Amino acid sequence: MFIDSKAPKIHKTEPTKNKVTNGSFSIKYTEDNLKEVLLSWNPTINLTSQCNESGKNVVCNAQVNLTAFDGQNITYWVNMTDIANSTDSSRPTRVLVDTTSPVLTVNAPQNITQNTTNSTYGRRVPFNLSVSEKVTLEFIDNSDTRPRWERICSNCDSYGLDRLRTKSFRVGEHDLIIKAIDRAGNSDSKMLNFDVVF
């Protein structure tokens, strides 16, 4: 006979109240003999294949398809059951669904592959970017010895459209990725190369 006297415990779920999701959910729980994990908002989705680890303070990150609910508010909750059929439920949480990725347009700097003389710059390189919604804009220069993401702006839908904006780069060829990330985690990115010659 196997005895399981401890009911599962859901410590935390994300996204939290009034936040945004693109279908990503996180559940922190404690349970030694996990049987089933259900995510409900109408319909109910079985997450057991994604959240099947037993233990203490386990964090499960799950992804579900919410495309049919894009732009709508949903109220979700999580039900967890162990092998003794003891259960725990999270509190209902209202969130906004956003599964639409932003559209990033890079007007400058121009890509060297466009065979244009405008893809060579001085050390101060102009940035002219526009996005279809409010996002966080950032870039990484893979030609650096230690590439790292650098933030351009937060909660913005353009950069360098209203007035000239520049970034400083060393002399040489640069291999950039510029990324736009919205509140739900959806993103769009563009890759470009340009030369800094003086």
C-alpha atoms as a PDB file:
ATOM      1  CA  MET A   1       0.000   0.000   0.000  1.00  0.00           C
ATOM      2  CA  PHE A   2       1.281   3.476  -0.913  1.00  0.00           C
ATOM      3  CA  ILE A   3       0.225   6.376   1.287  1.00  0.00           C
ATOM      4  CA  ASP A   4       0.190   9.970   0.048  1.00  0.00           C
ATOM      5  CA  SER A   5      -1.212  12.221   2.766  1.00  0.00           C
ATOM      6  CA  LYS A   6       0.020  15.546   1.405  1.00  0.00           C
ATOM      7  CA  ALA A   7      -2.155  17.382  -1.073  1.00  0.00           C
ATOM      8  CA  PRO A   8      -0.466  19.259  -3.935  1.00  0.00           C
ATOM      9  CA  LYS A   9       0.285  22.917  -3.316  1.00  0.00           C
ATOM     10  CA  ILE A  10       0.244  25.562  -6.054  1.00  0.00           C
ATOM     11  CA  HIS A  11       2.431  28.437  -4.848  1.00  0.00           C
ATOM     12  CA  LYS A  12       2.214  30.826  -7.783  1.00  0.00           C
ATOM     13  CA  THR A  13       0.993  31.155 -11.360  1.00  0.00           C
ATOM     14  CA  GLU A  14       2.026  33.594 -14.070  1.00  0.00           C
ATOM     15  CA  PRO A  15       0.982  35.758 -15.782  1.00  0.00           C
ATOM     16  CA  THR A  16      -0.468  37.609 -12.820  1.00  0.00           C
ATOM     17  CA  LYS A  17      -3.657  39.683 -12.740  1.00  0.00           C
ATOM     18  CA  ASN A  18      -4.130  42.177 -15.615  1.00  0.00           C
ATOM     19  CA  LYS A  19      -0.888  41.135 -17.342  1.00  0.00           C
ATOM     20  CA  VAL A  20      -0.511  39.952 -20.940  1.00  0.00           C
ATOM     21  CA  THR A  21       0.182  36.477 -22.314  1.00  0.00           C
ATOM     22  CA  ASN A  22       0.918  35.055 -25.747  1.00  0.00           C
ATOM     23  CA  GLY A  23       0.159  31.535 -24.518  1.00  0.00           C
ATOM     24  CA  SER A  24       3.026  31.243 -22.032  1.00  0.00           C
ATOM     25  CA  PHE A  25       2.150  30.183 -18.486  1.00  0.00           C
ATOM     26  CA  SER A  26       4.315  29.445 -15.459  1.00  0.00           C
ATOM     27  CA  ILE A  27       3.271  27.351 -12.447  1.00  0.00           C
ATOM     28  CA  LYS A  28       5.273  26.995  -9.231  1.00  0.00           C
ATOM     29  CA  TYR A  29       4.144  24.053  -7.096  1.00  0.00           C
ATOM     30  CA  THR A  30       5.121  21.382  -4.583  1.00  0.00           C
ATOM     31  CA  GLU A  31       3.963  17.782  -5.086  1.00  0.00           C
ATOM     32  CA  ASP A  32       5.850  14.490  -4.730  1.00  0.00           C
ATOM     33  CA  ASN A  33       3.398  12.293  -6.647  1.00  0.00           C
ATOM     34  CA  LEU A  34       1.975  14.388  -9.458  1.00  0.00           C
ATOM     35  CA  LYS A  35      -0.842  12.880 -11.511  1.00  0.00           C
ATOM     36  CA  GLU A  36      -2.469  15.656 -13.536  1.00  0.00           C
ATOM     37  CA  VAL A  37      -2.202  19.387 -14.253  1.00  0.00           C
ATOM     38  CA  LEU A  38      -5.083  21.185 -15.952  1.00  0.00           C
ATOM     39  CA  LEU A  39      -5.186  24.769 -17.240  1.00  0.00           C
ATOM     40  CA  SER A  40      -8.740  26.080 -17.544  1.00  0.00           C
ATOM     41  CA  TRP A  41     -10.333  29.196 -18.961  1.00  0.00           C
ATOM     42  CA  ASN A  42     -12.964  27.554 -21.209  1.00  0.00           C
ATOM     43  CA  PRO A  43     -11.808  25.206 -22.584  1.00  0.00           C
ATOM     44  CA  THR A  44      -9.607  23.105 -20.268  1.00  0.00           C
ATOM     45  CA  ILE A  45      -6.155  22.054 -21.482  1.00  0.00           C
ATOM     46  CA  ASN A  46      -4.202  19.149 -20.007  1.00  0.00           C
ATOM     47  CA  LEU A  47      -0.645  20.321 -19.232  1.00  0.00           C
ATOM     48  CA  THR A  48       0.560  17.071 -17.660  1.00  0.00           C
ATOM     49  CA  SER A  49       2.919  16.341 -20.563  1.00  0.00           C
ATOM     50  CA  GLN A  50       4.576  19.749 -20.054  1.00  0.00           C
ATOM     51  CA  CYS A  51       4.325  19.841 -16.231  1.00  0.00           C
ATOM     52  CA  ASN A  52       5.232  16.344 -15.089  1.00  0.00           C
ATOM     53  CA  GLU A  53       8.089  16.904 -12.636  1.00  0.00           C
ATOM     54  CA  SER A  54       7.482  16.046  -8.977  1.00  0.00           C
ATOM     55  CA  GLY A  55       9.248  17.751  -6.098  1.00  0.00           C
ATOM     56  CA  LYS A  56       9.422  20.863  -3.983  1.00  0.00           C
ATOM     57  CA  ASN A  57       9.090  24.357  -5.467  1.00  0.00           C
ATOM     58  CA  VAL A  58       9.031  23.028  -9.020  1.00  0.00           C
ATOM     59  CA  VAL A  59       8.589  25.665 -11.743  1.00  0.00           C
ATOM     60  CA  CYS A  60       6.831  24.497 -14.886  1.00  0.00           C
ATOM     61  CA  ASN A  61       6.782  26.708 -17.982  1.00  0.00           C
ATOM     62  CA  ALA A  62       4.018  25.710 -20.374  1.00  0.00           C
ATOM     63  CA  GLN A  63       2.924  26.971 -23.778  1.00  0.00           C
ATOM     64  CA  VAL A  64      -0.611  26.727 -25.173  1.00  0.00           C
ATOM     65  CA  ASN A  65      -2.130  27.975 -28.413  1.00  0.00           C
ATOM     66  CA  LEU A  66      -4.270  31.043 -27.672  1.00  0.00           C
ATOM     67  CA  THR A  67      -4.509  32.336 -31.243  1.00  0.00           C
ATOM     68  CA  ALA A  68      -8.307  32.039 -31.212  1.00  0.00           C
ATOM     69  CA  PHE A  69      -8.425  34.395 -28.191  1.00  0.00           C
ATOM     70  CA  ASP A  70      -6.076  37.090 -29.552  1.00  0.00           C
ATOM     71  CA  GLY A  71      -7.086  40.534 -28.274  1.00  0.00           C
ATOM     72  CA  GLN A  72      -9.491  39.121 -25.684  1.00  0.00           C
ATOM     73  CA  ASN A  73      -9.398  38.913 -21.902  1.00  0.00           C
ATOM     74  CA  ILE A  74      -9.538  35.422 -20.393  1.00  0.00           C
ATOM     75  CA  THR A  75      -9.789  34.293 -16.779  1.00  0.00           C
ATOM     76  CA  TYR A  76      -7.615  31.227 -16.180  1.00  0.00           C
ATOM     77  CA  TRP A  77      -6.899  28.925 -13.248  1.00  0.00           C
ATOM     78  CA  VAL A  78      -4.818  25.788 -12.677  1.00  0.00           C
ATOM     79  CA  ASN A  79      -6.003  22.514 -11.096  1.00  0.00           C
ATOM     80  CA  MET A  80      -3.449  19.999  -9.863  1.00  0.00           C
ATOM     81  CA  THR A  81      -4.148  16.396  -8.764  1.00  0.00           C
ATOM     82  CA  ASP A  82      -1.857  13.813  -7.109  1.00  0.00           C
ATOM     83  CA  ILE A  83      -2.053  10.004  -7.261  1.00  0.00           C
ATOM     84  CA  ALA A  84      -4.321   9.957  -4.159  1.00  0.00           C
ATOM     85  CA  ASN A  85      -6.730  12.281  -6.049  1.00  0.00           C
ATOM     86  CA  SER A  86      -6.030  15.160  -3.653  1.00  0.00           C
ATOM     87  CA  THR A  87      -6.257  18.482  -5.478  1.00  0.00           C
ATOM     88  CA  ASP A  88      -5.304  22.136  -5.307  1.00  0.00           C
ATOM     89  CA  SER A  89      -6.507  25.024  -7.462  1.00  0.00           C
ATOM     90  CA  SER A  90      -5.065  28.447  -8.134  1.00  0.00           C
ATOM     91  CA  ARG A  91      -7.264  31.508  -7.881  1.00  0.00           C
ATOM     92  CA  PRO A  92      -8.916  32.701 -11.106  1.00  0.00           C
ATOM     93  CA  THR A  93      -6.726  35.298 -12.818  1.00  0.00           C
ATOM     94  CA  ARG A  94      -7.812  37.693 -15.585  1.00  0.00           C
ATOM     95  CA  VAL A  95      -5.231  38.373 -18.331  1.00  0.00           C
ATOM     96  CA  LEU A  96      -5.150  39.833 -21.829  1.00  0.00           C
ATOM     97  CA  VAL A  97      -4.195  37.560 -24.739  1.00  0.00           C
ATOM     98  CA  ASP A  98      -1.806  38.947 -27.360  1.00  0.00           C
ATOM     99  CA  THR A  99      -0.521  36.465 -29.934  1.00  0.00           C
ATOM    100  CA  THR A 100       0.210  39.027 -32.676  1.00  0.00           C
ATOM    101  CA  SER A 101       3.873  39.802 -33.217  1.00  0.00           C
ATOM    102  CA  PRO A 102       4.979  43.412 -33.707  1.00  0.00           C
ATOM    103  CA  VAL A 103       6.214  44.465 -37.139  1.00  0.00           C
ATOM    104  CA  LEU A 104       9.626  46.153 -37.051  1.00  0.00           C
ATOM    105  CA  THR A 105      10.796  48.422 -39.881  1.00  0.00           C
ATOM    106  CA  VAL A 106      14.447  49.498 -40.002  1.00  0.00           C
ATOM    107  CA  ASN A 107      15.035  52.574 -42.177  1.00  0.00           C
ATOM    108  CA  ALA A 108      18.535  53.188 -40.819  1.00  0.00           C
ATOM    109  CA  PRO A 109      21.169  51.996 -40.540  1.00  0.00           C
ATOM    110  CA  GLN A 110      20.983  50.546 -44.013  1.00  0.00           C
ATOM    111  CA  ASN A 111      22.158  47.055 -44.778  1.00  0.00           C
ATOM    112  CA  ILE A 112      25.444  46.702 -46.699  1.00  0.00           C
ATOM    113  CA  THR A 113      23.860  43.927 -48.799  1.00  0.00           C
ATOM    114  CA  GLN A 114      21.567  46.518 -50.366  1.00  0.00           C
ATOM    115  CA  ASN A 115      24.608  47.602 -52.466  1.00  0.00           C
ATOM    116  CA  THR A 116      24.222  51.193 -51.462  1.00  0.00           C
ATOM    117  CA  THR A 117      26.811  53.764 -50.499  1.00  0.00           C
ATOM    118  CA  ASN A 118      24.544  54.690 -47.582  1.00  0.00           C
ATOM    119  CA  SER A 119      25.650  51.558 -45.687  1.00  0.00           C
ATOM    120  CA  THR A 120      28.961  53.159 -44.644  1.00  0.00           C
ATOM    121  CA  TYR A 121      28.999  55.514 -41.684  1.00  0.00           C
ATOM    122  CA  GLY A 122      31.117  57.537 -39.329  1.00  0.00           C
ATOM    123  CA  ARG A 123      31.360  56.504 -35.676  1.00  0.00           C
ATOM    124  CA  ARG A 124      27.933  58.025 -34.919  1.00  0.00           C
ATOM    125  CA  VAL A 125      25.473  55.784 -36.795  1.00  0.00           C
ATOM    126  CA  PRO A 126      21.897  57.055 -37.330  1.00  0.00           C
ATOM    127  CA  PHE A 127      19.043  54.878 -36.097  1.00  0.00           C
ATOM    128  CA  ASN A 128      15.585  55.249 -37.649  1.00  0.00           C
ATOM    129  CA  LEU A 129      13.138  52.520 -36.566  1.00  0.00           C
ATOM    130  CA  SER A 130       9.360  52.138 -36.511  1.00  0.00           C
ATOM    131  CA  VAL A 131       7.157  49.419 -35.006  1.00  0.00           C
ATOM    132  CA  SER A 132       3.476  48.539 -35.345  1.00  0.00           C
ATOM    133  CA  GLU A 133       2.873  48.685 -31.560  1.00  0.00           C
ATOM    134  CA  LYS A 134       4.496  49.731 -28.267  1.00  0.00           C
ATOM    135  CA  VAL A 135       7.543  47.546 -27.631  1.00  0.00           C
ATOM    136  CA  THR A 136      10.974  47.335 -26.071  1.00  0.00           C
ATOM    137  CA  LEU A 137      13.638  47.888 -28.736  1.00  0.00           C
ATOM    138  CA  GLU A 138      17.114  46.414 -28.316  1.00  0.00           C
ATOM    139  CA  PHE A 139      20.078  45.359 -30.406  1.00  0.00           C
ATOM    140  CA  ILE A 140      23.140  43.121 -30.239  1.00  0.00           C
ATOM    141  CA  ASP A 141      26.325  43.578 -32.249  1.00  0.00           C
ATOM    142  CA  ASN A 142      27.668  40.098 -33.022  1.00  0.00           C
ATOM    143  CA  SER A 143      30.932  41.597 -34.294  1.00  0.00           C
ATOM    144  CA  ASP A 144      31.846  42.693 -30.742  1.00  0.00           C
ATOM    145  CA  THR A 145      34.341  40.580 -28.815  1.00  0.00           C
ATOM    146  CA  ARG A 146      31.702  40.152 -26.094  1.00  0.00           C
ATOM    147  CA  PRO A 147      28.290  40.629 -27.741  1.00  0.00           C
ATOM    148  CA  ARG A 148      25.473  41.689 -25.388  1.00  0.00           C
ATOM    149  CA  TRP A 149      21.965  43.041 -25.808  1.00  0.00           C
ATOM    150  CA  GLU A 150      21.690  46.812 -25.457  1.00  0.00           C
ATOM    151  CA  ARG A 151      18.351  48.514 -24.900  1.00  0.00           C
ATOM    152  CA  ILE A 152      17.376  51.259 -27.342  1.00  0.00           C
ATOM    153  CA  CYS A 153      14.060  52.272 -25.748  1.00  0.00           C
ATOM    154  CA  SER A 154      11.137  50.914 -23.698  1.00  0.00           C
ATOM    155  CA  ASN A 155       7.420  51.287 -24.382  1.00  0.00           C
ATOM    156  CA  CYS A 156       8.037  52.965 -27.723  1.00  0.00           C
ATOM    157  CA  ASP A 157       6.706  52.501 -31.258  1.00  0.00           C
ATOM    158  CA  SER A 158       9.511  54.384 -33.002  1.00  0.00           C
ATOM    159  CA  TYR A 159      13.068  55.555 -32.529  1.00  0.00           C
ATOM    160  CA  GLY A 160      14.682  58.291 -34.565  1.00  0.00           C
ATOM    161  CA  LEU A 161      11.547  59.268 -36.491  1.00  0.00           C
ATOM    162  CA  ASP A 162      10.770  62.495 -34.644  1.00  0.00           C
ATOM    163  CA  ARG A 163      14.396  63.641 -34.329  1.00  0.00           C
ATOM    164  CA  LEU A 164      17.840  62.334 -35.282  1.00  0.00           C
ATOM    165  CA  ARG A 165      19.044  59.521 -33.013  1.00  0.00           C
ATOM    166  CA  THR A 166      22.509  57.984 -33.249  1.00  0.00           C
ATOM    167  CA  LYS A 167      24.547  55.220 -31.623  1.00  0.00           C
ATOM    168  CA  SER A 168      28.335  55.113 -31.352  1.00  0.00           C
ATOM    169  CA  PHE A 169      30.250  52.241 -32.997  1.00  0.00           C
ATOM    170  CA  ARG A 170      33.943  51.432 -33.459  1.00  0.00           C
ATOM    171  CA  VAL A 171      35.557  51.494 -36.913  1.00  0.00           C
ATOM    172  CA  GLY A 172      35.006  48.278 -38.852  1.00  0.00           C
ATOM    173  CA  GLU A 173      32.194  46.017 -40.031  1.00  0.00           C
ATOM    174  CA  HIS A 174      29.197  45.469 -37.774  1.00  0.00           C
ATOM    175  CA  ASP A 175      26.744  42.587 -37.705  1.00  0.00           C
ATOM    176  CA  LEU A 176      23.588  43.693 -35.860  1.00  0.00           C
ATOM    177  CA  ILE A 177      20.340  42.088 -34.789  1.00  0.00           C
ATOM    178  CA  ILE A 178      17.647  44.623 -33.863  1.00  0.00           C
ATOM    179  CA  LYS A 179      14.682  43.187 -31.942  1.00  0.00           C
ATOM    180  CA  ALA A 180      11.235  44.516 -30.996  1.00  0.00           C
ATOM    181  CA  ILE A 181       9.521  42.718 -28.066  1.00  0.00           C
ATOM    182  CA  ASP A 182       5.953  43.472 -26.966  1.00  0.00           C
ATOM    183  CA  ARG A 183       4.447  43.045 -23.473  1.00  0.00           C
ATOM    184  CA  ALA A 184       3.345  39.475 -24.197  1.00  0.00           C
ATOM    185  CA  GLY A 185       6.810  38.415 -25.364  1.00  0.00           C
ATOM    186  CA  ASN A 186       6.010  38.388 -29.097  1.00  0.00           C
ATOM    187  CA  SER A 187       8.879  39.711 -31.164  1.00  0.00           C
ATOM    188  CA  ASP A 188      10.183  40.677 -34.571  1.00  0.00           C
ATOM    189  CA  SER A 189      13.841  41.078 -35.458  1.00  0.00           C
ATOM    190  CA  LYS A 190      15.949  42.303 -38.337  1.00  0.00           C
ATOM    191  CA  MET A 191      19.567  41.463 -39.178  1.00  0.00           C
ATOM    192  CA  LEU A 192      21.814  43.973 -40.896  1.00  0.00           C
ATOM    193  CA  ASN A 193      25.457  44.688 -41.695  1.00  0.00           C
ATOM    194  CA  PHE A 194      27.144  48.050 -42.134  1.00  0.00           C
ATOM    195  CA  ASP A 195      30.639  49.550 -42.092  1.00  0.00           C
ATOM    196  CA  VAL A 196      32.022  52.290 -39.904  1.00  0.00           C
ATOM    197  CA  VAL A 197      34.917  53.799 -41.863  1.00  0.00           C
ATOM    198  CA  PHE A 198      35.994  56.902 -39.926  1.00  0.00           C
END
